[in-house]
N, C-alpha and C. Protein backbone atom coordinates (compact mmCIF):
# COMPACT_ATOMS: atom_id res chain seq x y z
N GLN A 1 9.09 -17.70 -4.12
CA GLN A 1 8.26 -18.42 -5.05
C GLN A 1 7.48 -19.52 -4.33
N HIS A 2 8.13 -20.14 -3.37
CA HIS A 2 7.47 -21.22 -2.60
C HIS A 2 6.21 -20.72 -1.91
N ILE A 3 6.27 -19.52 -1.34
CA ILE A 3 5.11 -18.95 -0.66
C ILE A 3 3.97 -18.74 -1.66
N LYS A 4 4.27 -18.22 -2.82
CA LYS A 4 3.25 -17.97 -3.84
C LYS A 4 2.61 -19.27 -4.31
N ASP A 5 3.39 -20.33 -4.42
CA ASP A 5 2.87 -21.60 -4.91
C ASP A 5 2.07 -22.39 -3.87
N TYR A 6 2.53 -22.32 -2.60
CA TYR A 6 1.95 -23.19 -1.57
C TYR A 6 1.31 -22.44 -0.42
N TRP A 7 0.88 -21.21 -0.63
CA TRP A 7 0.36 -20.39 0.46
C TRP A 7 -0.84 -21.02 1.15
N SER A 8 -1.67 -21.76 0.43
CA SER A 8 -2.87 -22.33 1.03
C SER A 8 -2.56 -23.47 2.00
N ARG A 9 -1.36 -24.02 1.93
CA ARG A 9 -0.98 -25.12 2.81
C ARG A 9 -0.13 -24.67 4.00
N LEU A 10 0.16 -23.40 4.06
CA LEU A 10 1.07 -22.89 5.09
C LEU A 10 0.32 -22.33 6.29
N ASN A 11 1.00 -22.31 7.43
CA ASN A 11 0.48 -21.64 8.62
C ASN A 11 0.88 -20.17 8.47
N ILE A 12 0.00 -19.39 7.90
CA ILE A 12 0.33 -18.03 7.51
C ILE A 12 0.71 -17.15 8.73
N PRO A 13 -0.03 -17.17 9.84
CA PRO A 13 0.39 -16.32 10.96
C PRO A 13 1.82 -16.63 11.46
N LYS A 14 2.16 -17.90 11.49
CA LYS A 14 3.51 -18.29 11.93
C LYS A 14 4.55 -17.83 10.92
N LEU A 15 4.25 -17.98 9.67
CA LEU A 15 5.16 -17.58 8.60
C LEU A 15 5.32 -16.05 8.56
N LEU A 16 4.23 -15.33 8.82
CA LEU A 16 4.30 -13.86 8.89
C LEU A 16 5.24 -13.42 10.00
N HIS A 17 5.15 -14.09 11.13
CA HIS A 17 6.04 -13.77 12.26
C HIS A 17 7.49 -13.99 11.83
N SER A 18 7.78 -15.08 11.16
CA SER A 18 9.15 -15.36 10.70
C SER A 18 9.60 -14.32 9.67
N CYS A 19 8.70 -13.93 8.80
CA CYS A 19 9.06 -12.91 7.80
C CYS A 19 9.42 -11.59 8.45
N ARG A 20 8.65 -11.21 9.47
CA ARG A 20 8.95 -9.95 10.19
C ARG A 20 10.29 -10.06 10.91
N GLU A 21 10.54 -11.19 11.56
CA GLU A 21 11.79 -11.36 12.29
C GLU A 21 13.00 -11.34 11.36
N ASN A 22 12.84 -11.87 10.15
CA ASN A 22 13.95 -11.95 9.20
C ASN A 22 13.93 -10.88 8.15
N GLN A 23 13.08 -9.89 8.34
CA GLN A 23 12.96 -8.74 7.46
C GLN A 23 12.72 -9.14 6.00
N LYS A 24 11.85 -10.06 5.78
CA LYS A 24 11.44 -10.46 4.45
C LYS A 24 10.12 -9.76 4.15
N TRP A 25 10.23 -8.46 3.87
CA TRP A 25 9.05 -7.60 3.79
C TRP A 25 8.18 -7.91 2.58
N LEU A 26 8.75 -8.14 1.45
CA LEU A 26 7.93 -8.43 0.26
C LEU A 26 7.16 -9.75 0.42
N GLU A 27 7.81 -10.74 1.00
CA GLU A 27 7.13 -12.00 1.26
C GLU A 27 5.99 -11.79 2.27
N GLY A 28 6.23 -10.93 3.26
CA GLY A 28 5.19 -10.60 4.23
C GLY A 28 4.01 -9.91 3.58
N VAL A 29 4.26 -9.04 2.64
CA VAL A 29 3.18 -8.35 1.91
C VAL A 29 2.32 -9.39 1.19
N HIS A 30 2.96 -10.32 0.52
CA HIS A 30 2.19 -11.35 -0.19
C HIS A 30 1.36 -12.20 0.78
N LEU A 31 1.97 -12.56 1.93
CA LEU A 31 1.23 -13.34 2.92
C LEU A 31 0.05 -12.57 3.48
N TYR A 32 0.25 -11.29 3.78
CA TYR A 32 -0.86 -10.47 4.26
C TYR A 32 -2.00 -10.45 3.24
N SER A 33 -1.64 -10.37 1.98
CA SER A 33 -2.68 -10.36 0.93
C SER A 33 -3.41 -11.70 0.87
N TYR A 34 -2.68 -12.79 0.95
CA TYR A 34 -3.32 -14.10 0.93
C TYR A 34 -4.22 -14.30 2.15
N TYR A 35 -3.83 -13.70 3.26
CA TYR A 35 -4.55 -13.83 4.53
C TYR A 35 -5.65 -12.76 4.66
N SER A 36 -5.88 -12.01 3.60
CA SER A 36 -6.89 -10.96 3.53
C SER A 36 -6.67 -9.86 4.56
N GLN A 37 -5.43 -9.54 4.86
CA GLN A 37 -5.07 -8.43 5.73
C GLN A 37 -4.40 -7.36 4.88
N HIS A 38 -5.19 -6.80 3.98
CA HIS A 38 -4.65 -5.85 3.00
C HIS A 38 -4.17 -4.55 3.67
N ASP A 39 -4.82 -4.16 4.76
CA ASP A 39 -4.37 -2.96 5.47
C ASP A 39 -2.93 -3.14 5.96
N ASN A 40 -2.65 -4.32 6.51
CA ASN A 40 -1.30 -4.60 6.99
C ASN A 40 -0.31 -4.68 5.83
N ALA A 41 -0.76 -5.20 4.70
CA ALA A 41 0.11 -5.28 3.52
C ALA A 41 0.50 -3.87 3.06
N VAL A 42 -0.47 -2.97 3.01
CA VAL A 42 -0.20 -1.59 2.59
C VAL A 42 0.73 -0.91 3.60
N GLU A 43 0.47 -1.10 4.88
CA GLU A 43 1.34 -0.53 5.92
C GLU A 43 2.79 -1.01 5.74
N THR A 44 2.94 -2.29 5.48
CA THR A 44 4.29 -2.85 5.28
C THR A 44 4.95 -2.24 4.04
N LEU A 45 4.19 -2.11 2.97
CA LEU A 45 4.74 -1.51 1.76
C LEU A 45 5.19 -0.07 2.02
N MET A 46 4.45 0.67 2.82
CA MET A 46 4.83 2.05 3.11
C MET A 46 5.99 2.13 4.10
N ASP A 47 5.96 1.26 5.11
CA ASP A 47 7.01 1.30 6.14
C ASP A 47 8.35 0.83 5.63
N HIS A 48 8.34 -0.05 4.65
CA HIS A 48 9.61 -0.63 4.15
C HIS A 48 9.69 -0.43 2.64
N SER A 49 9.38 0.76 2.20
CA SER A 49 9.31 1.05 0.78
C SER A 49 10.64 0.88 0.05
N ALA A 50 11.74 1.10 0.74
CA ALA A 50 13.05 0.99 0.10
C ALA A 50 13.32 -0.45 -0.34
N VAL A 51 12.69 -1.41 0.33
CA VAL A 51 12.97 -2.81 0.09
C VAL A 51 11.87 -3.49 -0.76
N CYS A 52 10.63 -3.15 -0.53
CA CYS A 52 9.56 -3.97 -1.13
C CYS A 52 8.52 -3.21 -1.94
N TRP A 53 8.63 -1.91 -2.08
CA TRP A 53 7.59 -1.15 -2.76
C TRP A 53 7.68 -1.30 -4.26
N SER A 54 6.53 -1.46 -4.87
CA SER A 54 6.39 -1.31 -6.33
C SER A 54 5.02 -0.66 -6.57
N HIS A 55 4.98 0.21 -7.54
CA HIS A 55 3.77 0.99 -7.80
C HIS A 55 2.58 0.09 -8.13
N ASP A 56 2.79 -0.88 -9.00
CA ASP A 56 1.69 -1.76 -9.40
C ASP A 56 1.17 -2.60 -8.23
N LEU A 57 2.09 -3.16 -7.46
CA LEU A 57 1.70 -3.95 -6.29
C LEU A 57 0.95 -3.09 -5.29
N PHE A 58 1.43 -1.87 -5.08
CA PHE A 58 0.80 -0.96 -4.12
C PHE A 58 -0.64 -0.62 -4.56
N LYS A 59 -0.79 -0.29 -5.85
CA LYS A 59 -2.12 0.06 -6.34
C LYS A 59 -3.09 -1.12 -6.24
N LYS A 60 -2.60 -2.30 -6.56
CA LYS A 60 -3.45 -3.49 -6.49
C LYS A 60 -3.87 -3.75 -5.04
N THR A 61 -2.97 -3.58 -4.11
CA THR A 61 -3.22 -3.88 -2.71
C THR A 61 -4.10 -2.82 -2.06
N VAL A 62 -3.84 -1.56 -2.35
CA VAL A 62 -4.59 -0.48 -1.69
C VAL A 62 -6.07 -0.51 -2.09
N HIS A 63 -6.39 -1.04 -3.24
CA HIS A 63 -7.79 -1.16 -3.66
C HIS A 63 -8.58 -2.10 -2.78
N GLN A 64 -7.90 -3.00 -2.09
CA GLN A 64 -8.58 -4.03 -1.32
C GLN A 64 -8.62 -3.75 0.17
N VAL A 65 -8.13 -2.60 0.63
CA VAL A 65 -8.12 -2.32 2.05
C VAL A 65 -9.55 -2.11 2.55
N SER A 66 -9.76 -2.38 3.83
CA SER A 66 -11.08 -2.23 4.41
C SER A 66 -11.24 -0.89 5.13
N ASN A 67 -10.14 -0.30 5.54
CA ASN A 67 -10.15 0.97 6.27
C ASN A 67 -9.90 2.11 5.28
N SER A 68 -10.90 2.95 5.08
CA SER A 68 -10.76 4.03 4.09
C SER A 68 -9.68 5.05 4.45
N GLU A 69 -9.28 5.11 5.71
CA GLU A 69 -8.20 6.03 6.10
C GLU A 69 -6.87 5.63 5.43
N MET A 70 -6.76 4.38 5.06
CA MET A 70 -5.54 3.92 4.38
C MET A 70 -5.36 4.61 3.03
N PHE A 71 -6.45 5.01 2.38
CA PHE A 71 -6.34 5.74 1.12
C PHE A 71 -5.61 7.06 1.34
N TYR A 72 -5.94 7.74 2.41
CA TYR A 72 -5.33 9.03 2.68
C TYR A 72 -3.91 8.89 3.18
N LYS A 73 -3.63 7.80 3.91
CA LYS A 73 -2.24 7.52 4.30
C LYS A 73 -1.41 7.23 3.05
N ALA A 74 -2.03 6.53 2.10
CA ALA A 74 -1.33 6.24 0.83
C ALA A 74 -1.03 7.52 0.07
N ILE A 75 -1.96 8.46 0.07
CA ILE A 75 -1.71 9.72 -0.63
C ILE A 75 -0.58 10.48 0.07
N GLU A 76 -0.58 10.51 1.40
CA GLU A 76 0.51 11.15 2.12
C GLU A 76 1.86 10.47 1.80
N PHE A 77 1.84 9.14 1.74
CA PHE A 77 3.04 8.40 1.39
C PHE A 77 3.54 8.80 0.00
N TYR A 78 2.64 8.85 -0.95
CA TYR A 78 3.02 9.23 -2.32
C TYR A 78 3.51 10.67 -2.37
N LEU A 79 2.92 11.54 -1.60
CA LEU A 79 3.40 12.94 -1.58
C LEU A 79 4.86 13.01 -1.10
N GLN A 80 5.21 12.16 -0.17
CA GLN A 80 6.58 12.15 0.37
C GLN A 80 7.54 11.35 -0.48
N GLU A 81 7.13 10.17 -0.90
CA GLU A 81 8.05 9.21 -1.53
C GLU A 81 7.99 9.17 -3.06
N GLN A 82 6.81 9.26 -3.62
CA GLN A 82 6.64 9.08 -5.06
C GLN A 82 5.71 10.15 -5.65
N PRO A 83 6.06 11.41 -5.54
CA PRO A 83 5.12 12.47 -5.97
C PRO A 83 4.76 12.42 -7.46
N LEU A 84 5.61 11.93 -8.29
CA LEU A 84 5.32 11.92 -9.72
C LEU A 84 4.29 10.83 -10.07
N LEU A 85 4.08 9.87 -9.20
CA LEU A 85 3.10 8.81 -9.44
C LEU A 85 1.78 9.07 -8.69
N LEU A 86 1.71 10.19 -8.00
CA LEU A 86 0.52 10.51 -7.21
C LEU A 86 -0.74 10.62 -8.08
N ASN A 87 -0.64 11.25 -9.23
CA ASN A 87 -1.80 11.40 -10.08
C ASN A 87 -2.36 10.04 -10.51
N ASP A 88 -1.50 9.11 -10.83
CA ASP A 88 -1.94 7.77 -11.22
C ASP A 88 -2.68 7.08 -10.07
N LEU A 89 -2.15 7.20 -8.86
CA LEU A 89 -2.83 6.61 -7.70
C LEU A 89 -4.19 7.25 -7.49
N CYS A 90 -4.24 8.56 -7.56
CA CYS A 90 -5.51 9.27 -7.33
C CYS A 90 -6.55 8.92 -8.40
N MET A 91 -6.11 8.74 -9.63
CA MET A 91 -7.03 8.35 -10.68
C MET A 91 -7.62 6.97 -10.40
N ASP A 92 -6.80 6.05 -9.91
CA ASP A 92 -7.28 4.70 -9.60
C ASP A 92 -8.24 4.69 -8.41
N LEU A 93 -8.00 5.57 -7.44
CA LEU A 93 -8.82 5.59 -6.23
C LEU A 93 -9.93 6.63 -6.27
N ALA A 94 -10.11 7.29 -7.37
CA ALA A 94 -11.04 8.43 -7.46
C ALA A 94 -12.43 8.12 -6.92
N GLY A 95 -12.96 6.97 -7.20
CA GLY A 95 -14.30 6.62 -6.74
C GLY A 95 -14.41 6.36 -5.26
N LYS A 96 -13.28 6.16 -4.60
CA LYS A 96 -13.28 5.82 -3.18
C LYS A 96 -12.84 6.98 -2.30
N LEU A 97 -12.47 8.10 -2.89
CA LEU A 97 -11.89 9.20 -2.13
C LEU A 97 -12.88 10.35 -1.94
N ASP A 98 -12.70 11.08 -0.85
CA ASP A 98 -13.39 12.34 -0.64
C ASP A 98 -12.53 13.39 -1.34
N HIS A 99 -13.01 13.91 -2.45
CA HIS A 99 -12.20 14.80 -3.28
C HIS A 99 -11.83 16.09 -2.56
N GLN A 100 -12.72 16.59 -1.75
CA GLN A 100 -12.44 17.80 -0.98
C GLN A 100 -11.29 17.57 -0.03
N ARG A 101 -11.29 16.45 0.65
CA ARG A 101 -10.22 16.12 1.59
C ARG A 101 -8.86 15.98 0.88
N VAL A 102 -8.87 15.32 -0.27
CA VAL A 102 -7.63 15.15 -1.04
C VAL A 102 -7.12 16.51 -1.50
N THR A 103 -8.00 17.33 -2.01
CA THR A 103 -7.60 18.67 -2.47
C THR A 103 -7.00 19.47 -1.33
N THR A 104 -7.59 19.40 -0.16
CA THR A 104 -7.05 20.10 1.01
C THR A 104 -5.66 19.58 1.37
N MET A 105 -5.50 18.26 1.33
CA MET A 105 -4.18 17.67 1.63
C MET A 105 -3.13 18.16 0.65
N ILE A 106 -3.47 18.19 -0.62
CA ILE A 106 -2.53 18.58 -1.66
C ILE A 106 -2.19 20.07 -1.55
N LYS A 107 -3.20 20.89 -1.32
CA LYS A 107 -2.97 22.33 -1.18
C LYS A 107 -2.11 22.65 0.03
N ARG A 108 -2.36 21.96 1.13
CA ARG A 108 -1.59 22.20 2.36
C ARG A 108 -0.09 21.94 2.12
N ARG A 109 0.22 20.99 1.29
CA ARG A 109 1.64 20.65 1.00
C ARG A 109 2.16 21.37 -0.23
N GLU A 110 1.33 22.22 -0.81
CA GLU A 110 1.70 23.03 -1.97
C GLU A 110 2.17 22.15 -3.14
N ARG A 111 1.40 21.15 -3.45
CA ARG A 111 1.75 20.22 -4.52
C ARG A 111 0.65 20.13 -5.58
N VAL A 112 -0.14 21.15 -5.71
CA VAL A 112 -1.28 21.16 -6.64
C VAL A 112 -0.88 20.81 -8.08
N PRO A 113 0.27 21.26 -8.58
CA PRO A 113 0.61 20.91 -9.97
C PRO A 113 0.77 19.42 -10.24
N LEU A 114 0.88 18.62 -9.21
CA LEU A 114 1.04 17.18 -9.39
C LEU A 114 -0.27 16.49 -9.77
N ILE A 115 -1.38 17.15 -9.55
CA ILE A 115 -2.71 16.55 -9.76
C ILE A 115 -3.37 17.13 -10.99
N LYS A 116 -3.97 16.26 -11.79
CA LYS A 116 -4.72 16.71 -12.96
C LYS A 116 -6.19 16.70 -12.64
């Protein structure tokens, strides 16, 4: 809670280092978002999903990434970890995705029924 309240007064790079060392992944995700490093926030959410992943936080963060390849990494992540929520993610990212590429990814993994 302290990070959320006082993030503008903190030395974020130093605090991020401490969060990584102490495995405070959710706090690190929030700091990455405050520091406008959304790509790193999404990577952390995917790498440590057992500890810090939430669907709403992930969707909110992935919308702000600067690297469009992260959208496709997110789809791969959802195919492996959260296949039942894949359709919701794809609907939110529909305007930012190459539909042909997504369809190819889904067909290759034989998961077409998951997509509407």
